[in-house]
N, C-alpha and C. Protein backbone atom coordinates (compact mmCIF):
# COMPACT_ATOMS: atom_id res chain seq x y z
N MET A 1 20.51 -16.40 1.16
CA MET A 1 21.29 -17.09 2.16
C MET A 1 22.37 -16.19 2.73
N VAL A 2 23.03 -15.44 1.88
CA VAL A 2 24.06 -14.51 2.34
C VAL A 2 23.44 -13.44 3.22
N ALA A 3 22.26 -12.97 2.83
CA ALA A 3 21.59 -11.93 3.62
C ALA A 3 21.24 -12.44 5.01
N LEU A 4 20.81 -13.68 5.12
CA LEU A 4 20.49 -14.26 6.43
C LEU A 4 21.75 -14.40 7.29
N LEU A 5 22.84 -14.83 6.70
CA LEU A 5 24.10 -14.95 7.42
C LEU A 5 24.58 -13.58 7.89
N LEU A 6 24.47 -12.58 7.04
CA LEU A 6 24.87 -11.23 7.43
C LEU A 6 23.97 -10.67 8.53
N THR A 7 22.71 -11.04 8.52
CA THR A 7 21.79 -10.60 9.58
C THR A 7 22.25 -11.12 10.93
N ILE A 8 22.65 -12.37 10.98
CA ILE A 8 23.13 -12.96 12.23
C ILE A 8 24.44 -12.29 12.66
N ILE A 9 25.35 -12.08 11.73
CA ILE A 9 26.63 -11.45 12.05
C ILE A 9 26.43 -10.03 12.56
N ILE A 10 25.55 -9.28 11.92
CA ILE A 10 25.30 -7.90 12.34
C ILE A 10 24.65 -7.87 13.72
N GLY A 11 23.71 -8.78 13.98
CA GLY A 11 23.10 -8.84 15.31
C GLY A 11 24.13 -9.12 16.40
N ILE A 12 25.03 -10.05 16.13
CA ILE A 12 26.08 -10.38 17.10
C ILE A 12 27.02 -9.18 17.29
N HIS A 13 27.36 -8.51 16.20
CA HIS A 13 28.28 -7.38 16.29
C HIS A 13 27.67 -6.24 17.11
N PHE A 14 26.42 -5.89 16.86
CA PHE A 14 25.79 -4.82 17.62
C PHE A 14 25.58 -5.23 19.08
N HIS A 15 25.38 -6.51 19.34
CA HIS A 15 25.25 -6.98 20.72
C HIS A 15 26.56 -6.79 21.48
N THR A 16 27.67 -7.18 20.89
CA THR A 16 28.96 -7.02 21.57
C THR A 16 29.33 -5.54 21.71
N LEU A 17 28.94 -4.73 20.73
CA LEU A 17 29.20 -3.29 20.82
C LEU A 17 28.43 -2.68 21.99
N ALA A 18 27.17 -3.07 22.16
CA ALA A 18 26.36 -2.55 23.26
C ALA A 18 26.90 -3.03 24.61
N GLN A 19 27.34 -4.28 24.69
CA GLN A 19 27.91 -4.78 25.93
C GLN A 19 29.19 -4.05 26.29
N LYS A 20 29.99 -3.74 25.31
CA LYS A 20 31.26 -3.06 25.55
C LYS A 20 31.04 -1.68 26.16
N HIS A 21 29.98 -1.00 25.73
CA HIS A 21 29.70 0.36 26.21
C HIS A 21 28.61 0.40 27.28
N ASN A 22 28.21 -0.76 27.80
CA ASN A 22 27.19 -0.87 28.85
C ASN A 22 25.88 -0.19 28.47
N GLU A 23 25.41 -0.46 27.28
CA GLU A 23 24.13 0.07 26.82
C GLU A 23 23.13 -1.06 26.70
N ASN A 24 21.87 -0.72 26.45
CA ASN A 24 20.81 -1.72 26.32
C ASN A 24 21.02 -2.51 25.03
N GLU A 25 21.28 -3.82 25.18
CA GLU A 25 21.62 -4.65 24.02
C GLU A 25 20.46 -4.79 23.03
N TRP A 26 19.25 -4.97 23.56
CA TRP A 26 18.11 -5.25 22.69
C TRP A 26 17.78 -4.07 21.79
N ILE A 27 17.83 -2.88 22.32
CA ILE A 27 17.52 -1.70 21.51
C ILE A 27 18.57 -1.52 20.42
N VAL A 28 19.83 -1.71 20.78
CA VAL A 28 20.92 -1.55 19.81
C VAL A 28 20.83 -2.61 18.72
N ILE A 29 20.54 -3.86 19.10
CA ILE A 29 20.41 -4.92 18.11
C ILE A 29 19.25 -4.64 17.17
N LEU A 30 18.11 -4.25 17.73
CA LEU A 30 16.94 -3.97 16.88
C LEU A 30 17.18 -2.80 15.94
N MET A 31 17.85 -1.76 16.42
CA MET A 31 18.14 -0.64 15.53
C MET A 31 19.11 -1.05 14.43
N GLY A 32 20.11 -1.84 14.77
CA GLY A 32 21.07 -2.31 13.76
C GLY A 32 20.40 -3.17 12.71
N LEU A 33 19.53 -4.09 13.14
CA LEU A 33 18.85 -4.96 12.18
C LEU A 33 17.82 -4.18 11.36
N LEU A 34 17.20 -3.18 11.97
CA LEU A 34 16.26 -2.35 11.21
C LEU A 34 16.99 -1.58 10.10
N VAL A 35 18.14 -1.01 10.44
CA VAL A 35 18.92 -0.29 9.44
C VAL A 35 19.41 -1.25 8.36
N TYR A 36 19.73 -2.48 8.76
CA TYR A 36 20.18 -3.47 7.78
C TYR A 36 19.06 -3.87 6.82
N THR A 37 17.83 -3.93 7.30
CA THR A 37 16.72 -4.40 6.46
C THR A 37 16.09 -3.32 5.59
N ILE A 38 16.40 -2.05 5.82
CA ILE A 38 15.79 -0.97 5.01
C ILE A 38 16.03 -1.17 3.51
N PRO A 39 17.26 -1.43 3.04
CA PRO A 39 17.43 -1.65 1.59
C PRO A 39 16.66 -2.85 1.06
N PHE A 40 16.48 -3.87 1.90
CA PHE A 40 15.71 -5.02 1.46
C PHE A 40 14.22 -4.71 1.37
N LEU A 41 13.73 -3.84 2.25
CA LEU A 41 12.34 -3.41 2.14
C LEU A 41 12.13 -2.60 0.86
N ILE A 42 13.11 -1.78 0.53
CA ILE A 42 13.04 -1.04 -0.74
C ILE A 42 13.09 -2.01 -1.91
N LEU A 43 13.89 -3.06 -1.79
CA LEU A 43 13.96 -4.10 -2.82
C LEU A 43 12.60 -4.76 -3.01
N ILE A 44 11.91 -5.08 -1.93
CA ILE A 44 10.58 -5.69 -2.03
C ILE A 44 9.60 -4.74 -2.70
N LEU A 45 9.70 -3.47 -2.37
CA LEU A 45 8.81 -2.48 -2.98
C LEU A 45 9.05 -2.38 -4.48
N PHE A 46 10.30 -2.26 -4.89
CA PHE A 46 10.61 -2.19 -6.33
C PHE A 46 10.24 -3.47 -7.05
N THR A 47 10.46 -4.59 -6.38
CA THR A 47 10.12 -5.87 -7.00
C THR A 47 8.62 -6.00 -7.22
N SER A 48 7.85 -5.59 -6.24
CA SER A 48 6.40 -5.69 -6.40
C SER A 48 5.88 -4.73 -7.46
N LEU A 49 6.56 -3.62 -7.64
CA LEU A 49 6.11 -2.65 -8.64
C LEU A 49 6.53 -3.04 -10.06
N THR A 50 7.67 -3.72 -10.20
CA THR A 50 8.20 -3.97 -11.54
C THR A 50 8.35 -5.45 -11.88
N PHE A 51 7.85 -6.35 -11.06
CA PHE A 51 8.06 -7.78 -11.28
C PHE A 51 7.44 -8.27 -12.58
N PHE A 52 6.27 -7.81 -12.89
CA PHE A 52 5.57 -8.34 -14.05
C PHE A 52 6.21 -7.93 -15.38
N SER A 53 6.93 -6.82 -15.39
CA SER A 53 7.50 -6.35 -16.65
C SER A 53 8.95 -6.78 -16.85
N THR A 54 9.71 -7.04 -15.76
CA THR A 54 11.13 -7.31 -15.94
C THR A 54 11.54 -8.75 -15.68
N GLY A 55 10.92 -9.44 -14.80
CA GLY A 55 11.29 -10.82 -14.53
C GLY A 55 12.24 -10.94 -13.36
N LEU A 56 12.87 -12.10 -13.20
CA LEU A 56 13.67 -12.39 -12.02
C LEU A 56 15.09 -11.83 -12.09
N ASN A 57 15.61 -11.50 -13.26
CA ASN A 57 16.98 -10.97 -13.34
C ASN A 57 17.09 -9.64 -12.61
N PHE A 58 16.04 -8.86 -12.64
CA PHE A 58 16.04 -7.57 -11.97
C PHE A 58 16.12 -7.74 -10.46
N VAL A 59 15.48 -8.77 -9.93
CA VAL A 59 15.51 -9.02 -8.49
C VAL A 59 16.92 -9.36 -8.05
N SER A 60 17.64 -10.17 -8.78
CA SER A 60 19.00 -10.53 -8.42
C SER A 60 19.92 -9.32 -8.42
N THR A 61 19.74 -8.44 -9.39
CA THR A 61 20.55 -7.23 -9.46
C THR A 61 20.28 -6.33 -8.28
N LEU A 62 19.02 -6.16 -7.92
CA LEU A 62 18.70 -5.31 -6.77
C LEU A 62 19.21 -5.91 -5.47
N GLU A 63 19.20 -7.22 -5.36
CA GLU A 63 19.72 -7.84 -4.15
C GLU A 63 21.23 -7.63 -4.05
N LEU A 64 21.92 -7.69 -5.16
CA LEU A 64 23.36 -7.41 -5.14
C LEU A 64 23.65 -5.97 -4.77
N ILE A 65 22.74 -5.07 -5.05
CA ILE A 65 22.90 -3.68 -4.65
C ILE A 65 22.50 -3.50 -3.19
N ALA A 66 21.49 -4.22 -2.73
CA ALA A 66 20.97 -4.04 -1.38
C ALA A 66 21.94 -4.52 -0.31
N ILE A 67 22.68 -5.58 -0.56
CA ILE A 67 23.59 -6.12 0.46
C ILE A 67 24.72 -5.14 0.79
N PRO A 68 25.47 -4.60 -0.18
CA PRO A 68 26.51 -3.63 0.20
C PRO A 68 25.94 -2.34 0.79
N THR A 69 24.78 -1.93 0.30
CA THR A 69 24.14 -0.73 0.86
C THR A 69 23.79 -0.96 2.32
N SER A 70 23.29 -2.13 2.65
CA SER A 70 22.96 -2.46 4.04
C SER A 70 24.20 -2.46 4.92
N ILE A 71 25.28 -3.00 4.40
CA ILE A 71 26.52 -3.05 5.18
C ILE A 71 27.05 -1.64 5.44
N VAL A 72 26.99 -0.78 4.44
CA VAL A 72 27.45 0.61 4.62
C VAL A 72 26.57 1.34 5.63
N LEU A 73 25.26 1.15 5.56
CA LEU A 73 24.36 1.80 6.52
C LEU A 73 24.61 1.31 7.94
N CYS A 74 24.89 0.03 8.11
CA CYS A 74 25.21 -0.50 9.43
C CYS A 74 26.53 0.07 9.95
N TYR A 75 27.50 0.24 9.06
CA TYR A 75 28.77 0.84 9.48
C TYR A 75 28.56 2.28 9.94
N ILE A 76 27.74 3.02 9.22
CA ILE A 76 27.45 4.41 9.61
C ILE A 76 26.76 4.44 10.96
N LEU A 77 25.78 3.55 11.18
CA LEU A 77 25.10 3.49 12.48
C LEU A 77 26.07 3.12 13.59
N ARG A 78 26.97 2.21 13.31
CA ARG A 78 27.99 1.82 14.29
C ARG A 78 28.86 3.00 14.68
N ARG A 79 29.29 3.79 13.70
CA ARG A 79 30.12 4.96 13.99
C ARG A 79 29.33 5.99 14.80
N ILE A 80 28.05 6.15 14.51
CA ILE A 80 27.21 7.09 15.27
C ILE A 80 27.10 6.63 16.72
N PHE A 81 26.83 5.33 16.94
CA PHE A 81 26.74 4.81 18.30
C PHE A 81 28.04 5.01 19.05
N ILE A 82 29.15 4.68 18.43
CA ILE A 82 30.44 4.79 19.10
C ILE A 82 30.74 6.24 19.47
N SER A 83 30.49 7.15 18.56
CA SER A 83 30.77 8.56 18.86
C SER A 83 29.86 9.09 19.97
N MET A 84 28.59 8.67 19.98
CA MET A 84 27.68 9.09 21.06
C MET A 84 28.14 8.55 22.40
N TRP A 85 28.46 7.27 22.45
CA TRP A 85 28.82 6.66 23.72
C TRP A 85 30.17 7.12 24.23
N GLU A 86 31.14 7.30 23.34
CA GLU A 86 32.45 7.78 23.79
C GLU A 86 32.36 9.23 24.25
N ASN A 87 31.52 10.04 23.59
CA ASN A 87 31.34 11.42 24.01
C ASN A 87 30.70 11.47 25.39
N LYS A 88 29.75 10.58 25.65
CA LYS A 88 29.10 10.53 26.96
C LYS A 88 30.09 10.10 28.03
N GLU A 89 30.93 9.12 27.73
CA GLU A 89 31.95 8.68 28.69
C GLU A 89 32.98 9.78 28.94
N TYR A 90 33.33 10.53 27.90
CA TYR A 90 34.29 11.62 28.04
C TYR A 90 33.72 12.72 28.92
N GLU A 91 32.43 13.05 28.74
CA GLU A 91 31.81 14.08 29.56
C GLU A 91 31.73 13.65 31.02
N GLU A 92 31.41 12.37 31.26
CA GLU A 92 31.36 11.88 32.64
C GLU A 92 32.73 11.95 33.29
N LEU A 93 33.77 11.62 32.53
CA LEU A 93 35.12 11.69 33.06
C LEU A 93 35.50 13.14 33.38
N ASN A 94 35.15 14.06 32.51
CA ASN A 94 35.44 15.47 32.75
C ASN A 94 34.70 15.98 33.99
N ASN A 95 33.45 15.57 34.16
CA ASN A 95 32.70 16.00 35.33
C ASN A 95 33.32 15.46 36.61
N GLU A 96 33.84 14.24 36.59
CA GLU A 96 34.50 13.69 37.76
C GLU A 96 35.79 14.44 38.06
N ILE A 97 36.53 14.79 37.03
CA ILE A 97 37.78 15.54 37.23
C ILE A 97 37.48 16.92 37.79
N ILE A 98 36.46 17.57 37.26
CA ILE A 98 36.09 18.90 37.74
C ILE A 98 35.61 18.82 39.19
N ASP A 99 34.88 17.78 39.53
CA ASP A 99 34.40 17.63 40.90
C ASP A 99 35.55 17.35 41.87
N ASP A 100 36.62 16.72 41.39
CA ASP A 100 37.76 16.41 42.25
C ASP A 100 38.65 17.64 42.53
N ILE A 101 38.54 18.67 41.72
CA ILE A 101 39.34 19.87 41.92
C ILE A 101 38.78 20.63 43.12
N LYS A 102 39.65 20.92 44.05
CA LYS A 102 39.21 21.65 45.24
C LYS A 102 39.83 23.03 45.22
N PHE A 103 39.00 23.98 45.47
CA PHE A 103 39.49 25.36 45.51
C PHE A 103 39.70 25.75 46.98
N ASP A 104 40.91 26.18 47.29
CA ASP A 104 41.21 26.56 48.67
C ASP A 104 41.10 28.03 48.86
């Protein structure tokens, strides 16, 4: 249940981030949710490999590890997006300033 709630929150956050920087919202949301689900896919893989020998306690422990890992990965992706978009905006601003300089 917590994972589903975090999925919705992360989707909304990446949507507002993309709108703020005038980027394609759908691609940014899908990349954010994909990065969020990677630890859970690893959880499913480990669970399917070790379910018969360990039982359900192991699944709960892995889920507790997967949620913070997903949040950290989403934060890293967010920082990457922000640095890419701000760098692009900075370069566009510099090009406009350089174009405005007139040499007599």
